[in-house]
Amino acid sequence: MLVHGTKRWLLFPPNRATYSTVPIFDYLRDNYTVDIAARKPIEFLQHAGEIVILPAWYAHATVCVGDCMALSRVLENSLFDSV
């Protein structure tokens, strides 16, 4: 849940997901027009008070748009396997 501010999300379905240890700002600066655009992520803005539930196995990247504060939790429940 985003408590304060706005956060930009990039979601990559499992068949287009990769994992990286490169800081997100460096990755976006160096790869956005070629790598990320070719993989066509789902992009959206999350605003204060909104909750995001990620589908299983989706990769994601987030960038705070200005100051932001969020709370997160990993849910491991069979209820979410069918969502």
Protein backbone atom coordinates (compact mmCIF):
# COMPACT_ATOMS: atom_id res chain seq x y z
CA MET A 1 0.00 0.00 0.00
CA LEU A 2 1.33 3.38 -0.93
CA VAL A 3 1.02 5.60 2.13
CA HIS A 4 2.29 8.85 0.58
CA GLY A 5 3.22 10.07 -2.89
CA THR A 6 3.16 8.42 -6.31
CA LYS A 7 5.03 5.38 -7.57
CA ARG A 8 5.60 4.33 -11.19
CA TRP A 9 5.37 0.57 -11.81
CA LEU A 10 6.66 -1.56 -14.67
CA LEU A 11 5.29 -5.13 -14.71
CA PHE A 12 6.73 -7.87 -16.89
CA PRO A 13 4.77 -11.09 -17.48
CA PRO A 14 6.79 -14.25 -16.81
CA ASN A 15 7.56 -14.84 -20.50
CA ARG A 16 9.11 -11.32 -20.77
CA ALA A 17 10.66 -11.10 -17.30
CA THR A 18 14.33 -10.71 -16.48
CA TYR A 19 15.97 -10.06 -13.16
CA SER A 20 18.71 -7.54 -12.50
CA THR A 21 20.75 -6.11 -9.65
CA VAL A 22 21.33 -2.83 -11.51
CA PRO A 23 19.74 0.19 -9.76
CA ILE A 24 16.45 1.06 -11.46
CA PHE A 25 17.46 4.61 -12.47
CA ASP A 26 20.60 3.29 -14.17
CA TYR A 27 18.66 0.50 -15.84
CA LEU A 28 15.99 2.88 -17.16
CA ARG A 29 18.58 5.40 -18.37
CA ASP A 30 20.65 2.81 -20.20
CA ASN A 31 18.01 0.34 -21.41
CA TYR A 32 14.55 1.88 -21.64
CA THR A 33 14.39 2.65 -25.35
CA VAL A 34 15.86 -0.67 -26.43
CA ASP A 35 15.38 -3.42 -23.87
CA ILE A 36 12.34 -2.38 -21.88
CA ALA A 37 10.37 -0.95 -24.79
CA ALA A 38 10.90 -4.19 -26.74
CA ARG A 39 9.48 -6.22 -23.84
CA LYS A 40 6.42 -3.94 -23.58
CA PRO A 41 5.87 -3.83 -19.84
CA ILE A 42 2.56 -2.96 -18.24
CA GLU A 43 3.17 0.55 -16.87
CA PHE A 44 0.99 2.47 -14.43
CA LEU A 45 1.08 4.97 -11.58
CA GLN A 46 0.11 4.02 -8.04
CA HIS A 47 -1.22 6.85 -5.86
CA ALA A 48 -1.44 7.20 -2.08
CA GLY A 49 -4.02 4.84 -0.59
CA GLU A 50 -3.88 2.34 -3.47
CA ILE A 51 -2.86 -1.31 -3.12
CA VAL A 52 -1.14 -3.32 -5.87
CA ILE A 53 -1.37 -7.12 -5.94
CA LEU A 54 1.11 -8.66 -8.35
CA PRO A 55 0.30 -11.84 -10.27
CA ALA A 56 2.54 -14.82 -9.51
CA TRP A 57 5.92 -14.85 -11.26
CA TYR A 58 5.61 -11.34 -12.68
CA ALA A 59 8.81 -9.31 -12.50
CA HIS A 60 8.47 -5.67 -11.53
CA ALA A 61 10.36 -2.44 -11.14
CA THR A 62 9.22 0.66 -9.28
CA VAL A 63 10.30 4.27 -9.21
CA CYS A 64 9.10 6.83 -6.70
CA VAL A 65 7.83 9.98 -8.39
CA GLY A 66 9.05 12.47 -5.81
CA ASP A 67 8.82 11.64 -2.13
CA CYS A 68 6.89 8.48 -1.35
CA MET A 69 6.45 5.93 1.40
CA ALA A 70 5.00 2.44 1.02
CA LEU A 71 4.28 -0.68 3.04
CA SER A 72 4.67 -4.05 1.37
CA ARG A 73 3.97 -7.66 2.20
CA VAL A 74 4.51 -10.92 0.38
CA LEU A 75 1.35 -12.99 0.44
CA GLU A 76 1.78 -16.71 0.04
CA ASN A 77 -1.70 -18.10 0.02
CA SER A 78 -3.40 -20.61 -2.25
CA LEU A 79 -6.30 -18.16 -2.52
CA PHE A 80 -4.13 -16.03 -4.81
CA ASP A 81 -3.08 -18.92 -7.08
CA SER A 82 -6.31 -18.64 -9.03
CA VAL A 83 -6.30 -14.82 -9.38
